[in-house]
């Protein structure tokens, strides 16, 4: 059915196989009486009707690839249709496989041709007619399967596919790394990843952004009545609550010695913080100092938490650890639903070049995606009505919310 380009594919069980993947998509009209076809203008199957579809890119999630191809070839996106994974074909003689998806249009849509002209054809046609339809009878078989057995298996967590990256905004996601910061920047839909030594460097390059999220504490308690978002975040990711470290109070951050920091935190908040928190105190102080010296960025640079964002994007908490291979692959599959061009090889190369951890890059990308969703109105503040610290900084996470 397709020519082999011999690429790697990350499959659902994280195995690696050297087969090129393709998809084809059966789009039914609202009344189920018509199916959308393209008429091939070039080989293979020139002059014949075929289902829409295309290549599955290396490392790309199957559902994400199906929605991407559907959008590119027809203008129909995930807000117009819910796809189900119906069946797969494996062609060992051509070293490729085909994933078949099916769905029904949910409301009136305007289709847009990309390369091949599009036509709605009656669903009761003889799709086994090889002089009219591509695929050596496969299309007839697919249509009959839908008529007899239904559409197939829907994606478990479809909600994050209801939005996509908007290409008219500058959105920044930042995560700390040893000796600096990793910034993932979505600039008019294009992803750029760079390493910076300070926030001054980032804001000098990107002074006018639409949204800027950072995985670092913003808004410091100075008394026990101040409420930060950490407790609310732990409730959302109970299984991974330990990834949200207790935030020190303002007095502890600006103490001269670690021992004094412990004592100040206990005096002000009635508790000591964990040794893990000690490691990020210099970063917390750096961010707070920057915001105090540059008040124009107060409450424009906002705090978020990648694991909470991932849980919202994924529909549930990811239990895998982000620094381990399984966790990297699982998070990457989520990322490619928004940024199809990214791959494990890309991130590994960037990590090596920038001398930072792979999970630092992934966290920054997740925050950039969240920042972009915020521009589209798909985010909320956690808590809903955040308190301000004594310097006027909101104590909040900005996280995805598709329910609005």
Protein backbone atom coordinates (compact mmCIF):
# COMPACT_ATOMS: atom_id res chain seq x y z
CA UNK A 1 0.00 0.00 0.00
CA UNK A 2 2.85 2.39 0.71
CA UNK A 3 6.51 2.86 -0.05
CA UNK A 4 8.93 2.10 2.73
CA UNK A 5 11.15 4.87 4.12
CA UNK A 6 12.62 2.63 6.82
CA UNK A 7 12.21 4.92 9.84
CA UNK A 8 12.15 4.07 13.52
CA UNK A 9 8.84 4.10 15.37
CA UNK A 10 8.29 4.27 19.14
CA UNK A 11 5.39 1.90 19.62
CA UNK A 12 2.84 1.84 22.44
CA UNK A 13 4.90 -0.71 24.36
CA UNK A 14 8.03 1.44 23.94
CA UNK A 15 9.65 -1.11 21.65
CA UNK A 16 11.63 0.10 18.67
CA UNK A 17 10.95 -1.25 15.21
CA UNK A 18 12.28 -0.31 11.78
CA UNK A 19 8.97 0.00 9.94
CA UNK A 20 7.50 3.11 8.40
CA UNK A 21 4.02 3.82 9.73
CA UNK A 22 1.11 5.25 7.78
CA UNK A 23 -2.49 5.98 8.66
CA UNK A 24 -5.76 6.20 6.78
CA UNK A 25 -8.84 7.86 8.18
CA UNK A 26 -12.50 7.10 7.46
CA UNK A 27 -14.48 10.30 7.99
CA UNK A 28 -18.26 9.79 8.07
CA UNK A 29 -20.76 12.62 7.63
CA UNK A 30 -23.04 13.62 10.51
CA UNK A 31 -25.83 11.40 9.19
CA UNK A 32 -23.44 8.48 8.41
CA UNK A 33 -24.61 8.53 4.79
CA UNK A 34 -21.37 9.77 3.24
CA UNK A 35 -17.63 9.13 3.57
CA UNK A 36 -14.89 11.62 2.76
CA UNK A 37 -12.43 10.61 0.03
CA UNK A 38 -9.56 12.23 -1.82
CA UNK A 39 -9.03 11.64 -5.52
CA UNK A 40 -5.38 10.79 -6.11
CA UNK A 41 -3.56 13.15 -8.49
CA UNK A 42 -0.34 11.12 -8.51
CA UNK A 43 0.91 7.57 -8.01
CA UNK A 44 0.32 5.32 -6.25
CA UNK A 45 -3.34 4.96 -7.25
CA UNK A 46 -3.41 8.01 -9.51
CA UNK A 47 -6.99 8.81 -10.57
CA UNK A 48 -8.54 6.55 -7.89
CA UNK A 49 -10.43 7.47 -4.75
CA UNK A 50 -8.57 6.88 -1.47
CA UNK A 51 -9.11 7.60 2.18
CA UNK A 52 -7.25 10.59 3.61
CA UNK A 53 -4.12 9.95 5.66
CA UNK A 54 -0.35 9.96 5.48
CA UNK A 55 2.89 9.18 7.29
CA UNK A 56 3.28 8.61 11.01
CA UNK A 57 6.42 10.47 12.01
CA UNK A 58 9.17 8.88 14.07
CA UNK A 59 8.20 8.90 17.76
CA UNK A 60 4.70 10.22 17.02
CA UNK A 61 1.63 8.95 18.86
CA UNK A 62 -0.82 7.22 16.53
CA UNK A 63 -3.84 9.32 17.48
CA UNK A 64 -1.77 12.51 17.27
CA UNK A 65 -0.59 11.53 13.79
CA UNK A 66 -4.15 10.80 12.66
CA UNK A 67 -5.45 14.15 13.88
CA UNK A 68 -2.45 15.96 12.39
CA UNK A 69 -2.85 14.35 8.95
CA UNK A 70 -6.61 14.94 9.00
CA UNK A 71 -6.08 18.63 9.79
CA UNK A 72 -3.38 19.03 7.12
CA UNK A 73 -5.34 17.28 4.36
CA UNK A 74 -8.90 18.42 5.08
CA UNK A 75 -8.93 21.26 7.63
CA UNK A 76 -10.91 19.02 10.01
CA UNK A 77 -9.46 19.01 13.52
CA UNK A 78 -10.07 17.39 16.90
CA UNK A 79 -12.83 19.87 17.73
CA UNK A 80 -14.82 18.59 14.74
CA UNK A 81 -14.49 14.83 15.16
CA UNK A 82 -13.60 12.11 17.68
CA UNK A 83 -11.51 9.41 16.05
CA UNK A 84 -11.44 5.75 17.03
CA UNK A 85 -8.60 3.33 16.29
CA UNK A 86 -10.28 0.65 14.22
CA UNK A 87 -7.62 -1.75 12.95
CA UNK A 88 -4.02 -2.12 11.77
CA UNK A 89 -2.40 -3.75 8.76
CA UNK A 90 1.23 -4.90 8.74
CA UNK A 91 2.93 -5.35 5.38
CA UNK A 92 6.10 -7.35 6.01
CA UNK A 93 6.79 -7.53 2.28
CA UNK A 94 6.92 -3.72 2.16
CA UNK A 95 8.32 -3.21 5.68
CA UNK A 96 5.51 -0.86 6.70
CA UNK A 97 2.29 -0.82 8.67
CA UNK A 98 -1.00 1.09 8.39
CA UNK A 99 -3.17 2.27 11.28
CA UNK A 100 -6.84 2.77 10.40
CA UNK A 101 -8.95 5.36 12.21
CA UNK A 102 -12.64 6.17 11.88
CA UNK A 103 -14.94 8.91 13.14
CA UNK A 104 -18.12 10.85 12.50
CA UNK A 105 -18.25 14.61 11.97
CA UNK A 106 -19.91 16.20 15.01
CA UNK A 107 -21.13 19.39 13.31
CA UNK A 108 -21.10 21.13 9.96
CA UNK A 109 -17.56 21.67 8.68
CA UNK A 110 -15.89 23.29 5.71
CA UNK A 111 -13.33 20.96 4.16
CA UNK A 112 -10.16 22.37 2.63
CA UNK A 113 -8.19 20.53 -0.06
CA UNK A 114 -4.43 20.22 0.45
CA UNK A 115 -3.00 18.24 -2.49
CA UNK A 116 -5.73 15.86 -3.68
CA UNK A 117 -9.33 17.03 -4.34
CA UNK A 118 -11.79 15.97 -1.64
CA UNK A 119 -15.26 14.52 -2.23
CA UNK A 120 -18.06 13.12 -0.08
CA UNK A 121 -19.19 9.79 -1.58
CA UNK A 122 -22.28 7.77 -0.63
CA UNK A 123 -21.57 5.24 2.12
CA UNK A 124 -23.42 2.51 0.18
CA UNK A 125 -21.03 2.53 -2.82
CA UNK A 126 -19.17 -0.62 -3.83
CA UNK A 127 -15.82 0.18 -2.23
CA UNK A 128 -14.43 -3.17 -3.41
CA UNK A 129 -14.38 -1.79 -6.96
CA UNK A 130 -10.62 -1.65 -7.64
CA UNK A 131 -11.14 0.33 -10.86
CA UNK A 132 -12.57 3.19 -8.77
CA UNK A 133 -11.02 2.82 -5.30
CA UNK A 134 -7.42 2.38 -4.12
CA UNK A 135 -6.14 -0.31 -1.80
CA UNK A 136 -6.89 -3.60 -3.62
CA UNK A 137 -10.22 -4.00 -1.83
CA UNK A 138 -9.00 -2.83 1.59
CA UNK A 139 -11.34 0.16 1.66
CA UNK A 140 -14.34 -2.09 1.11
CA UNK A 141 -13.18 -4.32 3.93
CA UNK A 142 -12.73 -1.33 6.28
CA UNK A 143 -16.16 0.12 5.53
CA UNK A 144 -17.86 -3.24 6.07
CA UNK A 145 -16.05 -3.65 9.39
CA UNK A 146 -17.39 -0.30 10.58
CA UNK A 147 -20.93 -1.11 9.42
CA UNK A 148 -20.91 -4.48 11.17
CA UNK A 149 -18.74 -3.94 14.28
CA UNK A 150 -18.56 -0.18 14.84
CA UNK A 151 -15.83 2.44 14.85
CA UNK A 152 -13.24 0.88 17.17
CA UNK A 153 -11.37 1.95 20.31
CA UNK A 154 -11.36 5.61 21.28
CA UNK A 155 -8.31 7.14 22.91
CA UNK A 156 -8.43 6.80 26.69
CA UNK A 157 -7.46 10.41 27.36
CA UNK A 158 -8.68 12.45 24.42
CA UNK A 159 -9.15 15.74 26.21
CA UNK A 160 -5.67 17.15 25.51
CA UNK A 161 -6.23 16.77 21.76
CA UNK A 162 -9.12 19.25 21.89
CA UNK A 163 -6.59 22.09 21.72
CA UNK A 164 -3.51 22.63 19.62
CA UNK A 165 -0.62 25.08 19.50
CA UNK A 166 -1.67 28.50 18.25
CA UNK A 167 0.85 30.02 15.85
CA UNK A 168 0.45 33.70 16.65
CA UNK A 169 1.95 33.97 20.13
CA UNK A 170 5.31 34.04 21.91
CA UNK A 171 5.18 31.62 24.84
CA UNK A 172 8.06 30.66 27.12
CA UNK A 173 8.56 27.70 29.46
CA UNK A 174 11.59 27.67 31.74
CA UNK A 175 13.10 24.98 33.94
CA UNK A 176 16.22 25.17 36.06
CA UNK A 177 19.36 23.23 35.23
CA UNK A 178 22.81 23.10 36.78
CA UNK A 179 24.38 26.51 36.37
CA UNK A 180 21.47 28.10 34.53
CA UNK A 181 18.08 27.78 32.92
CA UNK A 182 16.56 25.87 29.99
CA UNK A 183 14.05 27.94 28.03
CA UNK A 184 11.62 26.35 25.56
CA UNK A 185 10.16 29.10 23.41
CA UNK A 186 7.13 28.65 21.15
CA UNK A 187 7.51 31.59 18.80
CA UNK A 188 4.63 31.72 16.30
CA UNK A 189 4.30 27.95 16.48
CA UNK A 190 8.04 27.21 16.14
CA UNK A 191 9.88 25.61 19.05
CA UNK A 192 13.32 26.90 20.06
CA UNK A 193 15.26 25.48 22.99
CA UNK A 194 18.23 27.32 24.48
CA UNK A 195 20.26 27.46 27.65
CA UNK A 196 20.70 30.73 29.54
CA UNK A 197 22.75 31.70 32.55
CA UNK A 198 20.13 34.05 34.02
CA UNK A 199 16.58 35.35 33.72
CA UNK A 200 18.07 38.67 32.60
CA UNK A 201 19.44 36.88 29.53
CA UNK A 202 16.05 35.36 28.70
CA UNK A 203 14.08 38.59 29.12
CA UNK A 204 16.71 40.56 27.18
CA UNK A 205 16.15 38.27 24.21
CA UNK A 206 12.37 38.00 24.68
CA UNK A 207 11.19 41.20 26.43
CA UNK A 208 7.69 41.09 24.93
CA UNK A 209 6.16 37.69 25.49
CA UNK A 210 2.53 36.61 25.68
CA UNK A 211 3.03 34.13 28.50
CA UNK A 212 6.06 33.06 30.56
CA UNK A 213 5.92 30.07 32.94
CA UNK A 214 8.74 28.87 35.15
CA UNK A 215 9.16 25.80 37.32
CA UNK A 216 10.37 27.71 40.35
CA UNK A 217 8.77 29.15 43.46
CA UNK A 218 7.24 32.60 42.95
CA UNK A 219 5.48 34.29 45.85
CA UNK A 220 7.08 33.62 49.23
CA UNK A 221 5.30 33.15 52.51
CA UNK A 222 6.39 35.52 55.25
CA UNK A 223 3.90 34.27 57.83
CA UNK A 224 1.87 31.12 58.54
CA UNK A 225 -1.33 32.70 57.22
CA UNK A 226 0.04 32.90 53.68
CA UNK A 227 -1.24 30.08 51.46
CA UNK A 228 0.81 28.80 48.55
CA UNK A 229 -0.45 26.50 45.75
CA UNK A 230 1.73 23.55 46.76
CA UNK A 231 -0.91 21.78 48.85
CA UNK A 232 -3.50 22.18 46.08
CA UNK A 233 -1.02 20.77 43.55
CA UNK A 234 -0.30 17.71 45.70
CA UNK A 235 -4.02 16.95 45.80
CA UNK A 236 -4.12 16.87 42.01
CA UNK A 237 -1.18 14.46 41.72
CA UNK A 238 -1.55 12.41 44.88
CA UNK A 239 0.50 9.54 43.45
CA UNK A 240 3.39 11.92 42.67
CA UNK A 241 2.84 14.45 45.47
CA UNK A 242 6.46 14.11 46.59
CA UNK A 243 7.60 15.89 43.41
CA UNK A 244 6.24 19.15 44.87
CA UNK A 245 8.81 20.28 47.43
CA UNK A 246 7.79 22.40 50.46
CA UNK A 247 8.53 26.04 49.64
CA UNK A 248 10.63 27.93 52.20
CA UNK A 249 9.47 31.24 53.64
CA UNK A 250 10.95 34.56 52.53
CA UNK A 251 13.04 34.90 55.69
CA UNK A 252 14.61 31.48 55.08
CA UNK A 253 15.46 32.27 51.45
CA UNK A 254 17.41 35.37 52.40
CA UNK A 255 19.21 33.89 55.42
CA UNK A 256 23.00 33.80 55.12
CA UNK A 257 23.50 30.18 56.16
CA UNK A 258 21.52 26.98 55.58
CA UNK A 259 21.30 26.40 59.34
CA UNK A 260 19.75 29.85 59.69
CA UNK A 261 17.34 29.03 56.85
CA UNK A 262 16.10 25.95 58.71
CA UNK A 263 15.66 27.94 61.91
CA UNK A 264 13.89 30.84 60.18
CA UNK A 265 11.49 28.49 58.40
CA UNK A 266 10.65 26.77 61.67
CA UNK A 267 10.18 30.13 63.42
CA UNK A 268 7.92 31.60 60.72
CA UNK A 269 6.04 28.55 59.40
CA UNK A 270 6.44 26.13 62.30
CA UNK A 271 8.26 23.51 60.21
CA UNK A 272 11.57 22.75 58.60
CA UNK A 273 11.93 22.08 54.89
CA UNK A 274 13.43 18.95 53.33
CA UNK A 275 17.05 18.55 52.19
CA UNK A 276 15.74 18.44 48.59
CA UNK A 277 14.48 21.99 49.03
CA UNK A 278 17.95 23.15 50.03
CA UNK A 279 19.18 22.45 46.51
CA UNK A 280 16.75 24.90 44.90
CA UNK A 281 17.06 27.76 47.41
CA UNK A 282 19.65 29.61 45.25
CA UNK A 283 17.27 29.39 42.26
CA UNK A 284 14.29 30.59 44.33
CA UNK A 285 16.35 33.53 45.58
CA UNK A 286 17.54 34.31 42.03
CA UNK A 287 13.97 34.42 40.69
CA UNK A 288 12.64 36.50 43.57
CA UNK A 289 15.56 38.94 43.39
CA UNK A 290 15.04 39.34 39.64
CA UNK A 291 11.34 40.12 40.12
CA UNK A 292 12.00 42.62 42.91
CA UNK A 293 14.58 44.42 40.75
CA UNK A 294 12.38 44.25 37.63
CA UNK A 295 8.83 45.00 38.80
CA UNK A 296 7.59 45.17 35.19
CA UNK A 297 7.81 41.36 35.17
CA UNK A 298 5.95 40.87 38.47
CA UNK A 299 2.96 38.61 37.87
CA UNK A 300 3.88 38.42 34.19
CA UNK A 301 6.43 35.69 34.84
CA UNK A 302 4.35 33.05 36.60
CA UNK A 303 4.98 29.85 38.48
CA UNK A 304 3.81 26.47 37.26
CA UNK A 305 4.65 22.83 37.96
CA UNK A 306 5.37 20.41 35.07
CA UNK A 307 4.03 17.29 36.79
CA UNK A 308 0.71 18.99 37.57
CA UNK A 309 0.52 20.28 33.99
CA UNK A 310 1.30 16.81 32.64
CA UNK A 311 -1.49 15.30 34.75
CA UNK A 312 -3.96 17.82 33.35
CA UNK A 313 -2.77 17.34 29.75
CA UNK A 314 -2.76 13.56 30.12
CA UNK A 315 -6.07 13.27 31.95
CA UNK A 316 -4.40 11.52 34.89
CA UNK A 317 -1.16 11.51 36.86
CA UNK A 318 1.84 9.97 35.10
CA UNK A 319 3.28 7.44 37.52
CA UNK A 320 6.56 6.95 35.68
CA UNK A 321 9.62 8.89 36.83
CA UNK A 322 10.58 11.70 34.48
CA UNK A 323 14.32 10.99 34.59
CA UNK A 324 13.96 7.32 33.63
CA UNK A 325 13.58 5.99 30.09
CA UNK A 326 9.97 4.90 30.55
CA UNK A 327 9.05 8.30 31.95
CA UNK A 328 10.85 10.16 29.17
CA UNK A 329 9.04 8.15 26.47
CA UNK A 330 5.65 8.57 28.14
CA UNK A 331 6.08 12.34 28.42
CA UNK A 332 7.44 12.59 24.90
CA UNK A 333 4.33 10.88 23.53
CA UNK A 334 2.26 13.57 25.22
CA UNK A 335 4.44 16.36 23.84
CA UNK A 336 4.24 15.15 20.23
CA UNK A 337 0.45 15.52 20.29
CA UNK A 338 1.19 19.25 20.33
CA UNK A 339 4.63 19.44 18.70
CA UNK A 340 4.85 16.58 16.16
CA UNK A 341 8.35 17.51 14.97
CA UNK A 342 10.04 16.78 18.31
CA UNK A 343 11.63 13.37 18.84
CA UNK A 344 13.69 11.48 21.39
CA UNK A 345 16.74 11.89 19.16
CA UNK A 346 16.19 15.68 19.05
CA UNK A 347 15.97 15.97 22.80
CA UNK A 348 18.96 13.69 23.40
CA UNK A 349 21.07 15.79 21.03
CA UNK A 350 19.98 19.03 22.69
CA UNK A 351 20.68 17.57 26.12
CA UNK A 352 24.19 16.56 25.10
CA UNK A 353 24.91 19.90 23.42
CA UNK A 354 23.64 21.98 26.34
CA UNK A 355 25.05 19.69 29.04
CA UNK A 356 21.73 19.40 30.84
CA UNK A 357 19.35 16.61 31.78
CA UNK A 358 16.75 15.37 29.29
CA UNK A 359 13.98 15.88 31.85
CA UNK A 360 14.96 19.57 32.22
CA UNK A 361 14.22 20.00 28.51
CA UNK A 362 10.97 18.04 28.69
CA UNK A 363 9.76 20.09 31.68
CA UNK A 364 10.53 23.35 29.87
CA UNK A 365 8.63 22.17 26.77
CA UNK A 366 5.61 21.14 28.88
CA UNK A 367 5.55 24.63 30.41
CA UNK A 368 5.85 26.26 26.97
CA UNK A 369 2.87 24.19 25.78
CA UNK A 370 0.92 25.20 28.90
CA UNK A 371 1.82 28.85 28.32
CA UNK A 372 0.51 28.57 24.76
CA UNK A 373 -2.72 26.99 26.00
CA UNK A 374 -3.07 29.84 28.49
CA UNK A 375 -3.03 32.34 25.62
CA UNK A 376 -5.96 30.38 24.14
CA UNK A 377 -7.90 30.42 27.41
CA UNK A 378 -7.29 26.78 28.36
CA UNK A 379 -5.64 27.44 31.74
CA UNK A 380 -6.59 28.36 35.27
CA UNK A 381 -4.95 29.60 38.43
CA UNK A 382 -4.40 27.16 41.27
CA UNK A 383 -5.86 28.11 43.70
CA UNK A 384 -8.65 29.95 41.91
CA UNK A 385 -8.19 33.06 44.07
CA UNK A 386 -4.49 33.14 44.95
CA UNK A 387 -3.07 35.20 47.77
CA UNK A 388 -0.29 37.74 47.25
CA UNK A 389 2.91 37.75 49.24
CA UNK A 390 4.16 40.86 51.02
CA UNK A 391 5.81 42.11 47.79
CA UNK A 392 2.66 41.74 45.68
CA UNK A 393 3.56 38.46 43.93
CA UNK A 394 0.69 36.01 43.46
CA UNK A 395 1.24 32.61 45.05
CA UNK A 396 -0.21 30.39 42.33
CA UNK A 397 0.38 27.72 39.68
CA UNK A 398 -0.91 28.33 36.17
CA UNK A 399 -2.09 24.94 34.88
CA UNK A 400 -4.17 23.58 31.96
CA UNK A 401 -7.95 23.44 32.28
CA UNK A 402 -9.93 22.21 29.28
CA UNK A 403 -13.26 22.46 31.08
CA UNK A 404 -13.70 26.18 30.55
